[in-house]
Protein backbone atom coordinates (compact mmCIF):
# COMPACT_ATOMS: atom_id res chain seq x y z
CA UNK A 1 0.00 0.00 0.00
CA UNK A 2 1.35 3.42 -0.96
CA UNK A 3 1.48 6.29 1.46
CA UNK A 4 -0.68 9.37 1.03
CA UNK A 5 2.40 11.42 0.16
CA UNK A 6 3.38 9.31 -2.86
CA UNK A 7 3.16 10.90 -6.28
CA UNK A 8 0.64 8.48 -7.71
CA UNK A 9 -1.97 9.26 -5.10
CA UNK A 10 -1.77 13.06 -5.38
CA UNK A 11 -4.53 14.58 -7.50
CA UNK A 12 -3.45 16.15 -10.77
CA UNK A 13 -3.60 19.92 -10.48
CA UNK A 14 -5.24 21.67 -13.40
CA UNK A 15 -3.97 25.01 -14.63
CA UNK A 16 -5.68 27.85 -12.91
CA UNK A 17 -7.50 30.28 -15.11
CA UNK A 18 -6.58 33.93 -14.81
CA UNK A 19 -8.96 35.90 -12.69
CA UNK A 20 -7.96 39.09 -14.48
CA UNK A 21 -9.69 39.89 -17.74
CA UNK A 22 -7.08 42.51 -18.72
CA UNK A 23 -3.92 41.69 -20.59
CA UNK A 24 -0.69 42.36 -18.74
CA UNK A 25 1.19 42.86 -22.02
CA UNK A 26 2.83 46.25 -22.41
CA UNK A 27 1.88 46.77 -26.06
CA UNK A 28 3.63 50.14 -26.32
CA UNK A 29 6.94 48.65 -25.22
CA UNK A 30 6.50 45.70 -27.58
CA UNK A 31 5.76 47.98 -30.55
CA UNK A 32 8.79 50.16 -29.81
CA UNK A 33 11.03 47.07 -29.69
CA UNK A 34 9.64 45.94 -33.05
CA UNK A 35 10.38 49.34 -34.59
CA UNK A 36 13.96 49.19 -33.31
CA UNK A 37 14.37 45.69 -34.74
CA UNK A 38 13.32 46.96 -38.18
CA UNK A 39 16.01 49.65 -38.00
CA UNK A 40 18.64 47.05 -37.14
CA UNK A 41 17.86 44.91 -40.20
CA UNK A 42 18.08 46.94 -43.39
CA UNK A 43 17.45 43.83 -45.47
CA UNK A 44 13.84 44.05 -44.30
CA UNK A 45 13.56 47.43 -46.02
CA UNK A 46 10.69 47.67 -48.49
CA UNK A 47 13.09 48.54 -51.34
CA UNK A 48 14.96 45.26 -50.86
CA UNK A 49 11.76 43.23 -50.72
CA UNK A 50 10.36 44.85 -53.88
CA UNK A 51 13.67 44.36 -55.68
CA UNK A 52 13.53 40.63 -54.88
CA UNK A 53 9.94 40.35 -56.06
CA UNK A 54 10.62 42.26 -59.29
CA UNK A 55 13.57 39.97 -60.13
CA UNK A 56 11.42 36.83 -60.02
CA UNK A 57 10.79 35.32 -63.40
CA UNK A 58 13.45 37.40 -65.08
CA UNK A 59 16.70 36.10 -66.45
CA UNK A 60 19.40 35.64 -63.81
CA UNK A 61 21.73 38.54 -63.21
CA UNK A 62 25.13 38.12 -64.85
CA UNK A 63 27.88 37.06 -62.48
CA UNK A 64 30.29 39.69 -61.27
CA UNK A 65 34.06 39.59 -61.27
CA UNK A 66 36.12 41.21 -58.55
CA UNK A 67 38.84 43.43 -60.02
CA UNK A 68 41.19 46.16 -58.96
CA UNK A 69 40.57 49.32 -60.97
CA UNK A 70 42.49 52.56 -60.73
CA UNK A 71 40.42 55.68 -61.38
CA UNK A 72 41.08 59.35 -60.73
CA UNK A 73 40.31 60.41 -57.16
CA UNK A 74 37.85 63.12 -58.23
CA UNK A 75 35.88 60.63 -60.35
CA UNK A 76 35.63 58.17 -57.45
CA UNK A 77 34.62 60.93 -55.02
CA UNK A 78 31.89 62.06 -57.42
CA UNK A 79 30.41 58.54 -57.67
CA UNK A 80 30.59 58.14 -53.88
CA UNK A 81 28.94 61.53 -53.34
CA UNK A 82 25.88 60.28 -55.23
CA UNK A 83 25.08 57.96 -52.30
CA UNK A 84 25.22 54.23 -51.63
CA UNK A 85 25.69 51.94 -54.61
CA UNK A 86 28.50 53.83 -56.30
CA UNK A 87 30.11 50.63 -57.59
CA UNK A 88 26.84 49.62 -59.22
CA UNK A 89 26.59 53.04 -60.86
CA UNK A 90 30.16 52.76 -62.17
CA UNK A 91 29.24 49.37 -63.62
CA UNK A 92 26.12 50.87 -65.23
CA UNK A 93 28.15 53.67 -66.85
CA UNK A 94 30.67 51.17 -68.20
CA UNK A 95 27.86 48.96 -69.54
CA UNK A 96 26.23 51.96 -71.26
CA UNK A 97 29.56 52.85 -72.85
CA UNK A 98 29.97 49.26 -74.06
CA UNK A 99 26.47 49.19 -75.53
CA UNK A 100 26.95 52.58 -77.21
CA UNK A 101 30.20 51.38 -78.78
CA UNK A 102 28.62 48.43 -80.55
C-alpha atoms as a PDB file:
ATOM      1  CA  UNK A   1       0.000   0.000   0.000  1.00  0.00           C
ATOM      2  CA  UNK A   2       1.348   3.416  -0.962  1.00  0.00           C
ATOM      3  CA  UNK A   3       1.478   6.292   1.459  1.00  0.00           C
ATOM      4  CA  UNK A   4      -0.680   9.373   1.030  1.00  0.00           C
ATOM      5  CA  UNK A   5       2.396  11.419   0.156  1.00  0.00           C
ATOM      6  CA  UNK A   6       3.376   9.310  -2.856  1.00  0.00           C
ATOM      7  CA  UNK A   7       3.162  10.898  -6.276  1.00  0.00           C
ATOM      8  CA  UNK A   8       0.637   8.481  -7.714  1.00  0.00           C
ATOM      9  CA  UNK A   9      -1.967   9.264  -5.103  1.00  0.00           C
ATOM     10  CA  UNK A  10      -1.769  13.063  -5.376  1.00  0.00           C
ATOM     11  CA  UNK A  11      -4.533  14.577  -7.500  1.00  0.00           C
ATOM     12  CA  UNK A  12      -3.448  16.153 -10.775  1.00  0.00           C
ATOM     13  CA  UNK A  13      -3.604  19.916 -10.482  1.00  0.00           C
ATOM     14  CA  UNK A  14      -5.239  21.670 -13.403  1.00  0.00           C
ATOM     15  CA  UNK A  15      -3.972  25.011 -14.629  1.00  0.00           C
ATOM     16  CA  UNK A  16      -5.685  27.854 -12.911  1.00  0.00           C
ATOM     17  CA  UNK A  17      -7.499  30.279 -15.107  1.00  0.00           C
ATOM     18  CA  UNK A  18      -6.575  33.926 -14.814  1.00  0.00           C
ATOM     19  CA  UNK A  19      -8.960  35.903 -12.687  1.00  0.00           C
ATOM     20  CA  UNK A  20      -7.964  39.090 -14.478  1.00  0.00           C
ATOM     21  CA  UNK A  21      -9.692  39.889 -17.739  1.00  0.00           C
ATOM     22  CA  UNK A  22      -7.081  42.514 -18.719  1.00  0.00           C
ATOM     23  CA  UNK A  23      -3.915  41.692 -20.593  1.00  0.00           C
ATOM     24  CA  UNK A  24      -0.688  42.362 -18.738  1.00  0.00           C
ATOM     25  CA  UNK A  25       1.188  42.856 -22.020  1.00  0.00           C
ATOM     26  CA  UNK A  26       2.834  46.249 -22.406  1.00  0.00           C
ATOM     27  CA  UNK A  27       1.885  46.765 -26.057  1.00  0.00           C
ATOM     28  CA  UNK A  28       3.634  50.142 -26.315  1.00  0.00           C
ATOM     29  CA  UNK A  29       6.943  48.652 -25.221  1.00  0.00           C
ATOM     30  CA  UNK A  30       6.495  45.704 -27.580  1.00  0.00           C
ATOM     31  CA  UNK A  31       5.759  47.983 -30.550  1.00  0.00           C
ATOM     32  CA  UNK A  32       8.789  50.160 -29.809  1.00  0.00           C
ATOM     33  CA  UNK A  33      11.029  47.072 -29.686  1.00  0.00           C
ATOM     34  CA  UNK A  34       9.637  45.938 -33.054  1.00  0.00           C
ATOM     35  CA  UNK A  35      10.377  49.345 -34.591  1.00  0.00           C
ATOM     36  CA  UNK A  36      13.962  49.191 -33.311  1.00  0.00           C
ATOM     37  CA  UNK A  37      14.368  45.691 -34.740  1.00  0.00           C
ATOM     38  CA  UNK A  38      13.317  46.960 -38.176  1.00  0.00           C
ATOM     39  CA  UNK A  39      16.012  49.652 -37.997  1.00  0.00           C
ATOM     40  CA  UNK A  40      18.644  47.052 -37.140  1.00  0.00           C
ATOM     41  CA  UNK A  41      17.864  44.914 -40.199  1.00  0.00           C
ATOM     42  CA  UNK A  42      18.083  46.937 -43.394  1.00  0.00           C
ATOM     43  CA  UNK A  43      17.447  43.830 -45.473  1.00  0.00           C
ATOM     44  CA  UNK A  44      13.845  44.049 -44.303  1.00  0.00           C
ATOM     45  CA  UNK A  45      13.561  47.433 -46.015  1.00  0.00           C
ATOM     46  CA  UNK A  46      10.686  47.673 -48.493  1.00  0.00           C
ATOM     47  CA  UNK A  47      13.090  48.539 -51.341  1.00  0.00           C
ATOM     48  CA  UNK A  48      14.957  45.260 -50.860  1.00  0.00           C
ATOM     49  CA  UNK A  49      11.760  43.230 -50.715  1.00  0.00           C
ATOM     50  CA  UNK A  50      10.364  44.851 -53.875  1.00  0.00           C
ATOM     51  CA  UNK A  51      13.667  44.356 -55.679  1.00  0.00           C
ATOM     52  CA  UNK A  52      13.527  40.634 -54.878  1.00  0.00           C
ATOM     53  CA  UNK A  53       9.941  40.347 -56.058  1.00  0.00           C
ATOM     54  CA  UNK A  54      10.619  42.261 -59.287  1.00  0.00           C
ATOM     55  CA  UNK A  55      13.570  39.974 -60.127  1.00  0.00           C
ATOM     56  CA  UNK A  56      11.416  36.826 -60.017  1.00  0.00           C
ATOM     57  CA  UNK A  57      10.787  35.320 -63.396  1.00  0.00           C
ATOM     58  CA  UNK A  58      13.454  37.403 -65.075  1.00  0.00           C
ATOM     59  CA  UNK A  59      16.704  36.098 -66.451  1.00  0.00           C
ATOM     60  CA  UNK A  60      19.397  35.643 -63.814  1.00  0.00           C
ATOM     61  CA  UNK A  61      21.734  38.543 -63.210  1.00  0.00           C
ATOM     62  CA  UNK A  62      25.131  38.120 -64.850  1.00  0.00           C
ATOM     63  CA  UNK A  63      27.876  37.058 -62.481  1.00  0.00           C
ATOM     64  CA  UNK A  64      30.290  39.689 -61.272  1.00  0.00           C
ATOM     65  CA  UNK A  65      34.065  39.590 -61.269  1.00  0.00           C
ATOM     66  CA  UNK A  66      36.119  41.215 -58.552  1.00  0.00           C
ATOM     67  CA  UNK A  67      38.839  43.434 -60.022  1.00  0.00           C
ATOM     68  CA  UNK A  68      41.189  46.161 -58.959  1.00  0.00           C
ATOM     69  CA  UNK A  69      40.565  49.319 -60.974  1.00  0.00           C
ATOM     70  CA  UNK A  70      42.490  52.555 -60.731  1.00  0.00           C
ATOM     71  CA  UNK A  71      40.422  55.680 -61.377  1.00  0.00           C
ATOM     72  CA  UNK A  72      41.079  59.352 -60.731  1.00  0.00           C
ATOM     73  CA  UNK A  73      40.312  60.406 -57.157  1.00  0.00           C
ATOM     74  CA  UNK A  74      37.851  63.122 -58.225  1.00  0.00           C
ATOM     75  CA  UNK A  75      35.882  60.628 -60.348  1.00  0.00           C
ATOM     76  CA  UNK A  76      35.632  58.170 -57.452  1.00  0.00           C
ATOM     77  CA  UNK A  77      34.623  60.930 -55.021  1.00  0.00           C
ATOM     78  CA  UNK A  78      31.894  62.063 -57.419  1.00  0.00           C
ATOM     79  CA  UNK A  79      30.415  58.541 -57.665  1.00  0.00           C
ATOM     80  CA  UNK A  80      30.586  58.139 -53.882  1.00  0.00           C
ATOM     81  CA  UNK A  81      28.937  61.529 -53.342  1.00  0.00           C
ATOM     82  CA  UNK A  82      25.876  60.276 -55.232  1.00  0.00           C
ATOM     83  CA  UNK A  83      25.076  57.955 -52.303  1.00  0.00           C
ATOM     84  CA  UNK A  84      25.220  54.228 -51.630  1.00  0.00           C
ATOM     85  CA  UNK A  85      25.688  51.936 -54.613  1.00  0.00           C
ATOM     86  CA  UNK A  86      28.498  53.832 -56.296  1.00  0.00           C
ATOM     87  CA  UNK A  87      30.111  50.634 -57.593  1.00  0.00           C
ATOM     88  CA  UNK A  88      26.839  49.618 -59.224  1.00  0.00           C
ATOM     89  CA  UNK A  89      26.590  53.037 -60.857  1.00  0.00           C
ATOM     90  CA  UNK A  90      30.164  52.760 -62.166  1.00  0.00           C
ATOM     91  CA  UNK A  91      29.240  49.370 -63.616  1.00  0.00           C
ATOM     92  CA  UNK A  92      26.123  50.871 -65.231  1.00  0.00           C
ATOM     93  CA  UNK A  93      28.150  53.672 -66.848  1.00  0.00           C
ATOM     94  CA  UNK A  94      30.666  51.166 -68.196  1.00  0.00           C
ATOM     95  CA  UNK A  95      27.856  48.959 -69.538  1.00  0.00           C
ATOM     96  CA  UNK A  96      26.228  51.961 -71.257  1.00  0.00           C
ATOM     97  CA  UNK A  97      29.564  52.850 -72.852  1.00  0.00           C
ATOM     98  CA  UNK A  98      29.970  49.262 -74.055  1.00  0.00           C
ATOM     99  CA  UNK A  99      26.469  49.190 -75.528  1.00  0.00           C
ATOM    100  CA  UNK A 100      26.949  52.578 -77.214  1.00  0.00           C
ATOM    101  CA  UNK A 101      30.202  51.381 -78.781  1.00  0.00           C
ATOM    102  CA  UNK A 102      28.618  48.432 -80.547  1.00  0.00           C
END
